[in-house]
PDB file of all heavy atoms in Angstrom:
ATOM      1  N   LEU A   1     149.706  15.463  -2.689  1.00  0.00           N
ATOM      2  CA  LEU A   1     148.337  15.427  -3.197  1.00  0.00           C
ATOM      3  C   LEU A   1     148.128  16.517  -4.241  1.00  0.00           C
ATOM      4  O   LEU A   1     147.517  16.286  -5.303  1.00  0.00           O
ATOM      5  CB  LEU A   1     147.351  15.607  -2.049  1.00  0.00           C
ATOM      6  CG  LEU A   1     145.861  15.624  -2.438  1.00  0.00           C
ATOM      7  CD1 LEU A   1     145.485  14.302  -3.103  1.00  0.00           C
ATOM      8  CD2 LEU A   1     144.990  15.871  -1.208  1.00  0.00           C
ATOM      9  N   ALA A   2     148.665  17.714  -3.940  1.00  0.00           N
ATOM     10  CA  ALA A   2     148.526  18.814  -4.889  1.00  0.00           C
ATOM     11  C   ALA A   2     149.225  18.493  -6.203  1.00  0.00           C
ATOM     12  O   ALA A   2     148.718  18.786  -7.290  1.00  0.00           O
ATOM     13  CB  ALA A   2     149.103  20.096  -4.281  1.00  0.00           C
ATOM     14  N   THR A   3     150.405  17.867  -6.118  1.00  0.00           N
ATOM     15  CA  THR A   3     151.149  17.477  -7.319  1.00  0.00           C
ATOM     16  C   THR A   3     150.370  16.467  -8.141  1.00  0.00           C
ATOM     17  O   THR A   3     150.278  16.572  -9.374  1.00  0.00           O
ATOM     18  CB  THR A   3     152.517  16.887  -6.940  1.00  0.00           C
ATOM     19  OG1 THR A   3     153.244  17.859  -6.192  1.00  0.00           O
ATOM     20  CG2 THR A   3     153.311  16.501  -8.183  1.00  0.00           C
ATOM     21  N   LEU A   4     149.808  15.482  -7.453  1.00  0.00           N
ATOM     22  CA  LEU A   4     149.010  14.466  -8.151  1.00  0.00           C
ATOM     23  C   LEU A   4     147.810  15.091  -8.845  1.00  0.00           C
ATOM     24  O   LEU A   4     147.444  14.706  -9.963  1.00  0.00           O
ATOM     25  CB  LEU A   4     148.545  13.395  -7.154  1.00  0.00           C
ATOM     26  CG  LEU A   4     149.615  12.426  -6.669  1.00  0.00           C
ATOM     27  CD1 LEU A   4     149.063  11.550  -5.532  1.00  0.00           C
ATOM     28  CD2 LEU A   4     150.094  11.554  -7.826  1.00  0.00           C
ATOM     29  N   MET A   5     147.194  16.074  -8.175  1.00  0.00           N
ATOM     30  CA  MET A   5     146.027  16.737  -8.766  1.00  0.00           C
ATOM     31  C   MET A   5     146.420  17.521 -10.015  1.00  0.00           C
ATOM     32  O   MET A   5     145.699  17.523 -11.015  1.00  0.00           O
ATOM     33  CB  MET A   5     145.372  17.663  -7.733  1.00  0.00           C
ATOM     34  CG  MET A   5     144.674  16.923  -6.599  1.00  0.00           C
ATOM     35  SD  MET A   5     144.008  18.027  -5.348  1.00  0.00           S
ATOM     36  CE  MET A   5     142.690  18.823  -6.271  1.00  0.00           C
ATOM     37  N   LEU A   6     147.598  18.177  -9.963  1.00  0.00           N
ATOM     38  CA  LEU A   6     148.075  18.911 -11.125  1.00  0.00           C
ATOM     39  C   LEU A   6     148.356  17.975 -12.294  1.00  0.00           C
ATOM     40  O   LEU A   6     148.012  18.246 -13.444  1.00  0.00           O
ATOM     41  CB  LEU A   6     149.346  19.696 -10.769  1.00  0.00           C
ATOM     42  CG  LEU A   6     149.151  20.959  -9.924  1.00  0.00           C
ATOM     43  CD1 LEU A   6     150.493  21.500  -9.474  1.00  0.00           C
ATOM     44  CD2 LEU A   6     148.392  22.016 -10.720  1.00  0.00           C
ATOM     45  N   VAL A   7     149.007  16.848 -11.990  1.00  0.00           N
ATOM     46  CA  VAL A   7     149.316  15.854 -13.026  1.00  0.00           C
ATOM     47  C   VAL A   7     148.036  15.299 -13.626  1.00  0.00           C
ATOM     48  O   VAL A   7     147.896  15.161 -14.845  1.00  0.00           O
ATOM     49  CB  VAL A   7     150.187  14.718 -12.451  1.00  0.00           C
ATOM     50  CG1 VAL A   7     150.324  13.588 -13.469  1.00  0.00           C
ATOM     51  CG2 VAL A   7     151.558  15.246 -12.055  1.00  0.00           C
ATOM     52  N   ALA A   8     147.081  14.978 -12.762  1.00  0.00           N
ATOM     53  CA  ALA A   8     145.804  14.442 -13.234  1.00  0.00           C
ATOM     54  C   ALA A   8     145.070  15.462 -14.090  1.00  0.00           C
ATOM     55  O   ALA A   8     144.471  15.129 -15.119  1.00  0.00           O
ATOM     56  CB  ALA A   8     144.946  14.032 -12.040  1.00  0.00           C
ATOM     57  N   GLY A   9     145.139  16.729 -13.660  1.00  0.00           N
ATOM     58  CA  GLY A   9     144.483  17.777 -14.429  1.00  0.00           C
ATOM     59  C   GLY A   9     145.101  17.945 -15.800  1.00  0.00           C
ATOM     60  O   GLY A   9     144.408  18.108 -16.802  1.00  0.00           O
ATOM     61  N   ALA A  10     146.430  17.894 -15.866  1.00  0.00           N
ATOM     62  CA  ALA A  10     147.123  18.012 -17.144  1.00  0.00           C
ATOM     63  C   ALA A  10     146.785  16.846 -18.062  1.00  0.00           C
ATOM     64  O   ALA A  10     146.563  17.015 -19.259  1.00  0.00           O
ATOM     65  CB  ALA A  10     148.636  18.081 -16.915  1.00  0.00           C
ATOM     66  N   ALA A  11     146.740  15.635 -17.488  1.00  0.00           N
ATOM     67  CA  ALA A  11     146.400  14.443 -18.277  1.00  0.00           C
ATOM     68  C   ALA A  11     144.983  14.556 -18.816  1.00  0.00           C
ATOM     69  O   ALA A  11     144.706  14.206 -19.969  1.00  0.00           O
ATOM     70  CB  ALA A  11     146.551  13.190 -17.420  1.00  0.00           C
ATOM     71  N   HIS A  12     144.071  15.068 -17.969  1.00  0.00           N
ATOM     72  CA  HIS A  12     142.680  15.222 -18.413  1.00  0.00           C
ATOM     73  C   HIS A  12     142.592  16.229 -19.556  1.00  0.00           C
ATOM     74  O   HIS A  12     141.847  16.034 -20.520  1.00  0.00           O
ATOM     75  CB  HIS A  12     141.813  15.670 -17.248  1.00  0.00           C
ATOM     76  CG  HIS A  12     140.366  15.874 -17.620  1.00  0.00           C
ATOM     77  ND1 HIS A  12     139.531  14.815 -17.908  1.00  0.00           N
ATOM     78  CD2 HIS A  12     139.630  16.999 -17.770  1.00  0.00           C
ATOM     79  CE1 HIS A  12     138.327  15.281 -18.218  1.00  0.00           C
ATOM     80  NE2 HIS A  12     138.364  16.610 -18.139  1.00  0.00           N
ATOM     81  N   ALA A  13     143.382  17.328 -19.441  1.00  0.00           N
ATOM     82  CA  ALA A  13     143.386  18.334 -20.500  1.00  0.00           C
ATOM     83  C   ALA A  13     143.895  17.744 -21.809  1.00  0.00           C
ATOM     84  O   ALA A  13     143.360  18.028 -22.884  1.00  0.00           O
ATOM     85  CB  ALA A  13     144.251  19.521 -20.089  1.00  0.00           C
ATOM     86  N   GLU A  14     144.939  16.885 -21.718  1.00  0.00           N
ATOM     87  CA  GLU A  14     145.466  16.241 -22.918  1.00  0.00           C
ATOM     88  C   GLU A  14     144.432  15.343 -23.571  1.00  0.00           C
ATOM     89  O   GLU A  14     144.387  15.197 -24.791  1.00  0.00           O
ATOM     90  CB  GLU A  14     146.721  15.429 -22.583  1.00  0.00           C
ATOM     91  CG  GLU A  14     147.978  16.266 -22.467  1.00  0.00           C
ATOM     92  CD  GLU A  14     149.215  15.406 -22.305  1.00  0.00           C
ATOM     93  OE1 GLU A  14     149.075  14.181 -22.138  1.00  0.00           O
ATOM     94  OE2 GLU A  14     150.326  15.960 -22.335  1.00  0.00           O
ATOM     95  N   ASP A  15     143.586  14.715 -22.761  1.00  0.00           N
ATOM     96  CA  ASP A  15     142.545  13.839 -23.290  1.00  0.00           C
ATOM     97  C   ASP A  15     141.561  14.596 -24.164  1.00  0.00           C
ATOM     98  O   ASP A  15     140.857  13.999 -24.975  1.00  0.00           O
ATOM     99  CB  ASP A  15     141.771  13.166 -22.149  1.00  0.00           C
ATOM    100  CG  ASP A  15     142.604  12.104 -21.437  1.00  0.00           C
ATOM    101  OD1 ASP A  15     143.638  11.698 -21.997  1.00  0.00           O
ATOM    102  OD2 ASP A  15     142.216  11.701 -20.327  1.00  0.00           O
ATOM    103  N   LYS A  16     141.491  15.899 -24.010  1.00  0.00           N
ATOM    104  CA  LYS A  16     140.518  16.716 -24.721  1.00  0.00           C
ATOM    105  C   LYS A  16     141.131  17.453 -25.908  1.00  0.00           C
ATOM    106  O   LYS A  16     140.519  18.372 -26.451  1.00  0.00           O
ATOM    107  CB  LYS A  16     139.870  17.720 -23.756  1.00  0.00           C
ATOM    108  CG  LYS A  16     139.001  17.056 -22.687  1.00  0.00           C
ATOM    109  CD  LYS A  16     137.851  16.266 -23.311  1.00  0.00           C
ATOM    110  CE  LYS A  16     136.980  15.596 -22.272  1.00  0.00           C
ATOM    111  NZ  LYS A  16     135.889  14.787 -22.905  1.00  0.00           N
ATOM    112  N   VAL A  17     142.345  17.075 -26.293  1.00  0.00           N
ATOM    113  CA  VAL A  17     143.007  17.703 -27.434  1.00  0.00           C
ATOM    114  C   VAL A  17     143.566  16.626 -28.366  1.00  0.00           C
ATOM    115  O   VAL A  17     144.216  15.687 -27.912  1.00  0.00           O
ATOM    116  CB  VAL A  17     144.145  18.635 -26.982  1.00  0.00           C
ATOM    117  CG1 VAL A  17     144.868  19.216 -28.198  1.00  0.00           C
ATOM    118  CG2 VAL A  17     143.615  19.767 -26.111  1.00  0.00           C
ATOM    119  N   LEU A  18     143.303  16.768 -29.645  1.00  0.00           N
ATOM    120  CA  LEU A  18     143.891  15.905 -30.673  1.00  0.00           C
ATOM    121  C   LEU A  18     144.869  16.749 -31.478  1.00  0.00           C
ATOM    122  O   LEU A  18     144.484  17.752 -32.094  1.00  0.00           O
ATOM    123  CB  LEU A  18     142.814  15.342 -31.597  1.00  0.00           C
ATOM    124  CG  LEU A  18     143.317  14.598 -32.843  1.00  0.00           C
ATOM    125  CD1 LEU A  18     144.001  13.296 -32.452  1.00  0.00           C
ATOM    126  CD2 LEU A  18     142.189  14.344 -33.832  1.00  0.00           C
ATOM    127  N   ARG A  19     146.134  16.360 -31.488  1.00  0.00           N
ATOM    128  CA  ARG A  19     147.148  17.073 -32.262  1.00  0.00           C
ATOM    129  C   ARG A  19     147.305  16.351 -33.598  1.00  0.00           C
ATOM    130  O   ARG A  19     147.847  15.249 -33.658  1.00  0.00           O
ATOM    131  CB  ARG A  19     148.457  17.113 -31.479  1.00  0.00           C
ATOM    132  CG  ARG A  19     148.352  17.846 -30.138  1.00  0.00           C
ATOM    133  CD  ARG A  19     149.562  17.618 -29.277  1.00  0.00           C
ATOM    134  NE  ARG A  19     149.749  16.193 -28.994  1.00  0.00           N
ATOM    135  CZ  ARG A  19     150.844  15.686 -28.432  1.00  0.00           C
ATOM    136  NH1 ARG A  19     151.857  16.475 -28.119  1.00  0.00           N
ATOM    137  NH2 ARG A  19     150.935  14.395 -28.196  1.00  0.00           N
ATOM    138  N   LEU A  20     146.820  17.005 -34.654  1.00  0.00           N
ATOM    139  CA  LEU A  20     146.694  16.379 -35.965  1.00  0.00           C
ATOM    140  C   LEU A  20     147.707  16.958 -36.944  1.00  0.00           C
ATOM    141  O   LEU A  20     147.776  18.167 -37.148  1.00  0.00           O
ATOM    142  CB  LEU A  20     145.273  16.600 -36.494  1.00  0.00           C
ATOM    143  CG  LEU A  20     144.950  16.082 -37.896  1.00  0.00           C
ATOM    144  CD1 LEU A  20     145.052  14.561 -37.963  1.00  0.00           C
ATOM    145  CD2 LEU A  20     143.545  16.540 -38.308  1.00  0.00           C
ATOM    146  N   LEU A  21     148.484  16.078 -37.576  1.00  0.00           N
ATOM    147  CA  LEU A  21     149.457  16.448 -38.606  1.00  0.00           C
ATOM    148  C   LEU A  21     148.886  15.983 -39.940  1.00  0.00           C
ATOM    149  O   LEU A  21     148.833  14.780 -40.222  1.00  0.00           O
ATOM    150  CB  LEU A  21     150.796  15.766 -38.311  1.00  0.00           C
ATOM    151  CG  LEU A  21     151.997  16.106 -39.201  1.00  0.00           C
ATOM    152  CD1 LEU A  21     152.343  17.584 -39.117  1.00  0.00           C
ATOM    153  CD2 LEU A  21     153.207  15.251 -38.814  1.00  0.00           C
ATOM    154  N   THR A  22     148.460  16.925 -40.781  1.00  0.00           N
ATOM    155  CA  THR A  22     147.663  16.533 -41.939  1.00  0.00           C
ATOM    156  C   THR A  22     147.919  17.445 -43.133  1.00  0.00           C
ATOM    157  O   THR A  22     148.732  18.365 -43.085  1.00  0.00           O
ATOM    158  CB  THR A  22     146.166  16.544 -41.563  1.00  0.00           C
ATOM    159  OG1 THR A  22     145.405  15.967 -42.625  1.00  0.00           O
ATOM    160  CG2 THR A  22     145.667  17.953 -41.279  1.00  0.00           C
ATOM    161  N   TRP A  23     147.215  17.164 -44.217  1.00  0.00           N
ATOM    162  CA  TRP A  23     147.310  17.930 -45.455  1.00  0.00           C
ATOM    163  C   TRP A  23     146.271  19.052 -45.462  1.00  0.00           C
ATOM    164  O   TRP A  23     145.283  18.998 -44.747  1.00  0.00           O
ATOM    165  CB  TRP A  23     147.045  17.017 -46.653  1.00  0.00           C
ATOM    166  CG  TRP A  23     147.993  15.883 -46.797  1.00  0.00           C
ATOM    167  CD1 TRP A  23     147.980  14.712 -46.091  1.00  0.00           C
ATOM    168  CD2 TRP A  23     149.097  15.779 -47.701  1.00  0.00           C
ATOM    169  NE1 TRP A  23     149.005  13.887 -46.497  1.00  0.00           N
ATOM    170  CE2 TRP A  23     149.706  14.517 -47.485  1.00  0.00           C
ATOM    171  CE3 TRP A  23     149.623  16.626 -48.668  1.00  0.00           C
ATOM    172  CZ2 TRP A  23     150.811  14.096 -48.212  1.00  0.00           C
ATOM    173  CZ3 TRP A  23     150.719  16.200 -49.393  1.00  0.00           C
ATOM    174  CH2 TRP A  23     151.305  14.947 -49.162  1.00  0.00           C
ATOM    175  N   ALA A  24     146.502  20.054 -46.314  1.00  0.00           N
ATOM    176  CA  ALA A  24     145.528  21.130 -46.477  1.00  0.00           C
ATOM    177  C   ALA A  24     144.190  20.549 -46.932  1.00  0.00           C
ATOM    178  O   ALA A  24     144.145  19.630 -47.755  1.00  0.00           O
ATOM    179  CB  ALA A  24     146.034  22.141 -47.501  1.00  0.00           C
ATOM    180  N   ASP A  25     143.115  21.057 -46.355  1.00  0.00           N
ATOM    181  CA  ASP A  25     141.734  20.722 -46.721  1.00  0.00           C
ATOM    182  C   ASP A  25     141.239  19.380 -46.181  1.00  0.00           C
ATOM    183  O   ASP A  25     140.103  18.991 -46.452  1.00  0.00           O
ATOM    184  CB  ASP A  25     141.531  20.741 -48.250  1.00  0.00           C
ATOM    185  CG  ASP A  25     141.907  22.075 -48.869  1.00  0.00           C
ATOM    186  OD1 ASP A  25     141.588  23.112 -48.260  1.00  0.00           O
ATOM    187  OD2 ASP A  25     142.529  22.086 -49.947  1.00  0.00           O
ATOM    188  N   TYR A  26     142.074  18.659 -45.412  1.00  0.00           N
ATOM    189  CA  TYR A  26     141.633  17.378 -44.867  1.00  0.00           C
ATOM    190  C   TYR A  26     140.898  17.529 -43.534  1.00  0.00           C
ATOM    191  O   TYR A  26     140.345  16.546 -43.025  1.00  0.00           O
ATOM    192  CB  TYR A  26     142.821  16.429 -44.670  1.00  0.00           C
ATOM    193  CG  TYR A  26     143.309  15.758 -45.939  1.00  0.00           C
ATOM    194  CD1 TYR A  26     142.964  16.248 -47.197  1.00  0.00           C
ATOM    195  CD2 TYR A  26     144.128  14.638 -45.882  1.00  0.00           C
ATOM    196  CE1 TYR A  26     143.428  15.642 -48.351  1.00  0.00           C
ATOM    197  CE2 TYR A  26     144.594  14.022 -47.042  1.00  0.00           C
ATOM    198  CZ  TYR A  26     144.249  14.531 -48.272  1.00  0.00           C
ATOM    199  OH  TYR A  26     144.708  13.922 -49.414  1.00  0.00           O
ATOM    200  N   ALA A  27     140.893  18.731 -42.987  1.00  0.00           N
ATOM    201  CA  ALA A  27     140.188  18.972 -41.729  1.00  0.00           C
ATOM    202  C   ALA A  27     139.385  20.273 -41.858  1.00  0.00           C
ATOM    203  O   ALA A  27     139.726  21.286 -41.247  1.00  0.00           O
ATOM    204  CB  ALA A  27     141.163  19.050 -40.560  1.00  0.00           C
ATOM    205  N   PRO A  28     138.310  20.264 -42.652  1.00  0.00           N
ATOM    206  CA  PRO A  28     137.510  21.478 -42.861  1.00  0.00           C
ATOM    207  C   PRO A  28     136.942  22.011 -41.544  1.00  0.00           C
ATOM    208  O   PRO A  28     136.659  21.242 -40.622  1.00  0.00           O
ATOM    209  CB  PRO A  28     136.384  21.008 -43.786  1.00  0.00           C
ATOM    210  CG  PRO A  28     136.876  19.750 -44.404  1.00  0.00           C
ATOM    211  CD  PRO A  28     137.778  19.115 -43.399  1.00  0.00           C
TER     212      PRO A  28
END
């Protein structure tokens, strides 16, 4: 159960991050 909670927590954290590969000035 603890393992599942850790995995779920990590997945939730990933849902709140966008990793963007972009050009200069395209994300002011």
